[in-house]
Amino acid sequence: MQTKLPLNGTIQHPDLAEALRGENGTFFCQQGGQGYIVTAAEGFSIKSLRPVGRKIVEANVLMTAGPEPWAITKISEDVLEFSSIPQSPRQQRAA
């Protein structure tokens, strides 16, 4: 049986869905220089996944043989919902 990740706890795992199976809450996840806000809820290993910011590309990084593991940090016990993307004031005036 998998142990629940504590709040502010961080793990590394090669498979995000497998790592979040059985978890509930909101997580900050990173892989390959890209960050994501991910929610996990009962019945879903990944309920939603949203990219955060832009991918960080580092120069002179040697390519590894396999994929980089996910760094997963639990940031909330609550399952946050992202129903819409806020618009900038310019987009609101144009609508």
N, C-alpha and C. Protein backbone atom coordinates (compact mmCIF):
# COMPACT_ATOMS: atom_id res chain seq x y z
N MET A 1 0.84 -1.19 0.00
CA MET A 1 0.00 0.00 0.00
C MET A 1 0.88 1.25 0.00
N GLN A 2 0.54 2.23 -0.82
CA GLN A 2 1.34 3.44 -0.96
C GLN A 2 1.10 4.38 0.22
N THR A 3 2.16 5.01 0.72
CA THR A 3 2.05 5.99 1.78
C THR A 3 1.67 7.33 1.17
N LYS A 4 0.76 8.05 1.85
CA LYS A 4 0.34 9.37 1.37
C LYS A 4 1.50 10.35 1.55
N LEU A 5 1.67 11.22 0.56
CA LEU A 5 2.71 12.23 0.61
C LEU A 5 2.28 13.33 1.58
N PRO A 6 3.12 13.70 2.56
CA PRO A 6 2.73 14.75 3.51
C PRO A 6 2.78 16.13 2.85
N LEU A 7 2.05 17.07 3.43
CA LEU A 7 2.05 18.45 2.94
C LEU A 7 3.47 18.98 2.94
N ASN A 8 3.89 19.61 1.85
CA ASN A 8 5.25 20.13 1.62
C ASN A 8 6.29 19.02 1.45
N GLY A 9 5.85 17.78 1.38
CA GLY A 9 6.76 16.67 1.15
C GLY A 9 7.07 16.56 -0.34
N THR A 10 8.28 16.17 -0.67
CA THR A 10 8.72 16.05 -2.06
C THR A 10 9.26 14.65 -2.31
N ILE A 11 8.89 14.09 -3.46
CA ILE A 11 9.43 12.81 -3.90
C ILE A 11 9.87 12.94 -5.34
N GLN A 12 10.66 11.98 -5.80
CA GLN A 12 10.99 11.86 -7.21
C GLN A 12 10.49 10.51 -7.69
N HIS A 13 9.90 10.52 -8.88
CA HIS A 13 9.35 9.27 -9.43
C HIS A 13 9.37 9.36 -10.95
N PRO A 14 9.64 8.26 -11.64
CA PRO A 14 9.69 8.29 -13.10
C PRO A 14 8.32 8.42 -13.76
N ASP A 15 7.23 8.07 -13.05
CA ASP A 15 5.88 8.08 -13.63
C ASP A 15 4.96 8.91 -12.75
N LEU A 16 4.52 10.06 -13.26
CA LEU A 16 3.69 10.98 -12.47
C LEU A 16 2.37 10.35 -12.06
N ALA A 17 1.68 9.72 -12.99
CA ALA A 17 0.38 9.11 -12.68
C ALA A 17 0.51 8.02 -11.62
N GLU A 18 1.54 7.21 -11.73
CA GLU A 18 1.75 6.15 -10.75
C GLU A 18 2.06 6.75 -9.37
N ALA A 19 2.87 7.80 -9.34
CA ALA A 19 3.23 8.44 -8.07
C ALA A 19 2.02 9.05 -7.38
N LEU A 20 1.05 9.56 -8.15
CA LEU A 20 -0.11 10.23 -7.56
C LEU A 20 -1.31 9.29 -7.35
N ARG A 21 -1.19 8.05 -7.74
CA ARG A 21 -2.29 7.09 -7.54
C ARG A 21 -2.60 6.98 -6.04
N GLY A 22 -3.86 7.17 -5.68
CA GLY A 22 -4.28 7.09 -4.29
C GLY A 22 -4.12 8.38 -3.50
N GLU A 23 -3.59 9.42 -4.15
CA GLU A 23 -3.38 10.71 -3.48
C GLU A 23 -4.60 11.62 -3.70
N ASN A 24 -4.78 12.57 -2.80
CA ASN A 24 -5.76 13.64 -2.93
C ASN A 24 -5.05 14.95 -2.62
N GLY A 25 -5.27 15.96 -3.44
CA GLY A 25 -4.68 17.26 -3.16
C GLY A 25 -4.13 17.91 -4.42
N THR A 26 -3.36 18.98 -4.18
CA THR A 26 -2.76 19.75 -5.26
C THR A 26 -1.25 19.65 -5.11
N PHE A 27 -0.57 19.51 -6.25
CA PHE A 27 0.87 19.26 -6.26
C PHE A 27 1.57 20.19 -7.24
N PHE A 28 2.81 20.56 -6.93
CA PHE A 28 3.67 21.24 -7.89
C PHE A 28 4.64 20.19 -8.39
N CYS A 29 4.63 19.96 -9.70
CA CYS A 29 5.45 18.90 -10.30
C CYS A 29 6.37 19.50 -11.36
N GLN A 30 7.57 18.99 -11.44
CA GLN A 30 8.54 19.47 -12.43
C GLN A 30 9.20 18.29 -13.12
N GLN A 31 9.41 18.48 -14.42
CA GLN A 31 10.19 17.52 -15.20
C GLN A 31 10.78 18.25 -16.40
N GLY A 32 12.05 18.04 -16.64
CA GLY A 32 12.71 18.59 -17.82
C GLY A 32 12.66 20.11 -17.90
N GLY A 33 12.71 20.80 -16.76
CA GLY A 33 12.71 22.25 -16.77
C GLY A 33 11.34 22.90 -16.86
N GLN A 34 10.26 22.11 -16.87
CA GLN A 34 8.90 22.65 -16.94
C GLN A 34 8.16 22.32 -15.65
N GLY A 35 7.46 23.32 -15.11
CA GLY A 35 6.67 23.12 -13.90
C GLY A 35 5.20 22.98 -14.24
N TYR A 36 4.47 22.26 -13.40
CA TYR A 36 3.04 22.02 -13.58
C TYR A 36 2.33 22.07 -12.23
N ILE A 37 1.10 22.57 -12.21
CA ILE A 37 0.22 22.42 -11.06
C ILE A 37 -0.69 21.25 -11.40
N VAL A 38 -0.70 20.24 -10.55
CA VAL A 38 -1.44 19.01 -10.81
C VAL A 38 -2.38 18.75 -9.64
N THR A 39 -3.62 18.38 -9.95
CA THR A 39 -4.54 17.96 -8.90
C THR A 39 -4.80 16.47 -9.04
N ALA A 40 -4.88 15.81 -7.89
CA ALA A 40 -5.19 14.39 -7.83
C ALA A 40 -6.38 14.23 -6.90
N ALA A 41 -7.32 13.39 -7.27
CA ALA A 41 -8.51 13.17 -6.46
C ALA A 41 -8.89 11.71 -6.50
N GLU A 42 -9.72 11.31 -5.56
CA GLU A 42 -10.18 9.92 -5.51
C GLU A 42 -10.77 9.51 -6.85
N GLY A 43 -10.31 8.40 -7.38
CA GLY A 43 -10.78 7.92 -8.67
C GLY A 43 -9.98 8.42 -9.85
N PHE A 44 -9.08 9.40 -9.62
CA PHE A 44 -8.23 9.96 -10.67
C PHE A 44 -6.81 9.99 -10.14
N SER A 45 -5.84 9.49 -10.89
CA SER A 45 -4.46 9.72 -10.44
C SER A 45 -4.07 11.15 -10.80
N ILE A 46 -4.55 11.64 -11.98
CA ILE A 46 -4.35 13.03 -12.37
C ILE A 46 -5.70 13.58 -12.80
N LYS A 47 -6.25 14.50 -12.00
CA LYS A 47 -7.53 15.10 -12.33
C LYS A 47 -7.34 16.28 -13.28
N SER A 48 -6.31 17.08 -13.03
CA SER A 48 -5.98 18.18 -13.94
C SER A 48 -4.48 18.45 -13.89
N LEU A 49 -3.97 18.99 -14.99
CA LEU A 49 -2.55 19.29 -15.11
C LEU A 49 -2.43 20.60 -15.88
N ARG A 50 -1.80 21.61 -15.27
CA ARG A 50 -1.64 22.92 -15.90
C ARG A 50 -0.17 23.31 -15.90
N PRO A 51 0.36 23.69 -17.05
CA PRO A 51 1.76 24.17 -17.08
C PRO A 51 1.87 25.51 -16.36
N VAL A 52 3.01 25.74 -15.73
CA VAL A 52 3.28 26.98 -15.01
C VAL A 52 4.54 27.59 -15.60
N GLY A 53 4.45 28.83 -16.07
CA GLY A 53 5.62 29.51 -16.61
C GLY A 53 6.09 28.90 -17.91
N ARG A 54 7.34 29.17 -18.22
CA ARG A 54 7.95 28.65 -19.44
C ARG A 54 9.04 27.66 -19.10
N LYS A 55 9.26 26.74 -20.00
CA LYS A 55 10.28 25.73 -19.80
C LYS A 55 11.65 26.38 -19.70
N ILE A 56 12.43 25.93 -18.74
CA ILE A 56 13.80 26.43 -18.55
C ILE A 56 14.72 25.51 -19.33
N VAL A 57 15.44 26.07 -20.28
CA VAL A 57 16.37 25.30 -21.09
C VAL A 57 17.78 25.70 -20.69
N GLU A 58 18.54 24.72 -20.23
CA GLU A 58 19.91 24.99 -19.80
C GLU A 58 20.88 24.59 -20.90
N ALA A 59 21.84 25.44 -21.16
CA ALA A 59 22.87 25.16 -22.17
C ALA A 59 23.89 24.18 -21.60
N ASN A 60 24.51 23.45 -22.46
CA ASN A 60 25.60 22.52 -22.10
C ASN A 60 25.17 21.44 -21.12
N VAL A 61 23.94 20.96 -21.25
CA VAL A 61 23.47 19.87 -20.40
C VAL A 61 23.57 18.57 -21.19
N LEU A 62 24.24 17.59 -20.61
CA LEU A 62 24.39 16.31 -21.28
C LEU A 62 23.05 15.58 -21.26
N MET A 63 22.69 14.98 -22.37
CA MET A 63 21.46 14.21 -22.45
C MET A 63 21.65 12.89 -21.72
N THR A 64 20.66 12.50 -20.92
CA THR A 64 20.73 11.24 -20.21
C THR A 64 20.10 10.14 -21.07
N ALA A 65 20.37 8.91 -20.70
CA ALA A 65 19.86 7.78 -21.47
C ALA A 65 18.35 7.64 -21.36
N GLY A 66 17.77 8.00 -20.20
CA GLY A 66 16.33 7.85 -19.99
C GLY A 66 15.69 9.17 -19.63
N PRO A 67 14.37 9.14 -19.48
CA PRO A 67 13.68 10.38 -19.12
C PRO A 67 14.01 10.81 -17.69
N GLU A 68 13.99 12.10 -17.48
CA GLU A 68 14.24 12.67 -16.16
C GLU A 68 13.06 12.34 -15.24
N PRO A 69 13.32 11.99 -13.97
CA PRO A 69 12.19 11.71 -13.08
C PRO A 69 11.42 12.99 -12.73
N TRP A 70 10.18 12.82 -12.33
CA TRP A 70 9.34 13.92 -11.88
C TRP A 70 9.71 14.27 -10.45
N ALA A 71 9.83 15.56 -10.15
CA ALA A 71 9.94 16.05 -8.78
C ALA A 71 8.54 16.50 -8.39
N ILE A 72 7.98 15.90 -7.34
CA ILE A 72 6.58 16.09 -6.98
C ILE A 72 6.50 16.61 -5.55
N THR A 73 5.89 17.79 -5.35
CA THR A 73 5.73 18.39 -4.03
C THR A 73 4.25 18.62 -3.77
N LYS A 74 3.77 18.13 -2.64
CA LYS A 74 2.37 18.35 -2.28
C LYS A 74 2.25 19.74 -1.69
N ILE A 75 1.39 20.60 -2.29
CA ILE A 75 1.26 21.98 -1.83
C ILE A 75 -0.06 22.25 -1.14
N SER A 76 -1.03 21.34 -1.24
CA SER A 76 -2.32 21.53 -0.58
C SER A 76 -3.03 20.20 -0.43
N GLU A 77 -3.74 20.06 0.68
CA GLU A 77 -4.58 18.88 0.88
C GLU A 77 -5.86 18.99 0.06
N ASP A 78 -6.23 20.23 -0.33
CA ASP A 78 -7.44 20.48 -1.10
C ASP A 78 -7.20 20.19 -2.57
N VAL A 79 -8.25 19.77 -3.25
CA VAL A 79 -8.20 19.56 -4.69
C VAL A 79 -8.67 20.86 -5.33
N LEU A 80 -7.73 21.67 -5.81
CA LEU A 80 -8.07 22.96 -6.40
C LEU A 80 -8.65 22.76 -7.79
N GLU A 81 -9.64 23.54 -8.12
CA GLU A 81 -10.28 23.47 -9.44
C GLU A 81 -9.83 24.66 -10.27
N PHE A 82 -9.51 24.44 -11.52
CA PHE A 82 -9.11 25.48 -12.44
C PHE A 82 -10.12 25.49 -13.58
N SER A 83 -11.23 26.22 -13.37
CA SER A 83 -12.30 26.18 -14.36
C SER A 83 -12.08 27.14 -15.52
N SER A 84 -11.37 28.25 -15.29
CA SER A 84 -11.13 29.19 -16.38
C SER A 84 -9.79 29.87 -16.18
N ILE A 85 -9.29 30.41 -17.26
CA ILE A 85 -8.02 31.13 -17.24
C ILE A 85 -8.34 32.61 -17.13
N PRO A 86 -7.82 33.31 -16.09
CA PRO A 86 -8.11 34.74 -15.98
C PRO A 86 -7.60 35.51 -17.19
N GLN A 87 -8.37 36.49 -17.61
CA GLN A 87 -7.98 37.32 -18.74
C GLN A 87 -7.27 38.57 -18.25
N SER A 88 -6.37 39.07 -19.08
CA SER A 88 -5.71 40.33 -18.77
C SER A 88 -6.71 41.46 -19.00
N PRO A 89 -6.50 42.65 -18.42
CA PRO A 89 -7.42 43.78 -18.65
C PRO A 89 -7.57 44.10 -20.15
N ARG A 90 -6.51 43.97 -20.94
CA ARG A 90 -6.59 44.23 -22.39
C ARG A 90 -7.54 43.26 -23.06
N GLN A 91 -7.47 41.94 -22.69
CA GLN A 91 -8.36 40.95 -23.27
C GLN A 91 -9.80 41.20 -22.86
N GLN A 92 -10.03 41.67 -21.62
CA GLN A 92 -11.38 41.95 -21.15
C GLN A 92 -12.02 43.11 -21.93
N ARG A 93 -11.21 44.14 -22.21
CA ARG A 93 -11.73 45.30 -22.97
C ARG A 93 -12.07 44.91 -24.40
N ALA A 94 -11.30 43.98 -24.98
CA ALA A 94 -11.53 43.58 -26.38
C ALA A 94 -12.78 42.72 -26.51
N ALA A 95 -13.18 42.06 -25.44
CA ALA A 95 -14.33 41.13 -25.51
C ALA A 95 -15.66 41.84 -25.54
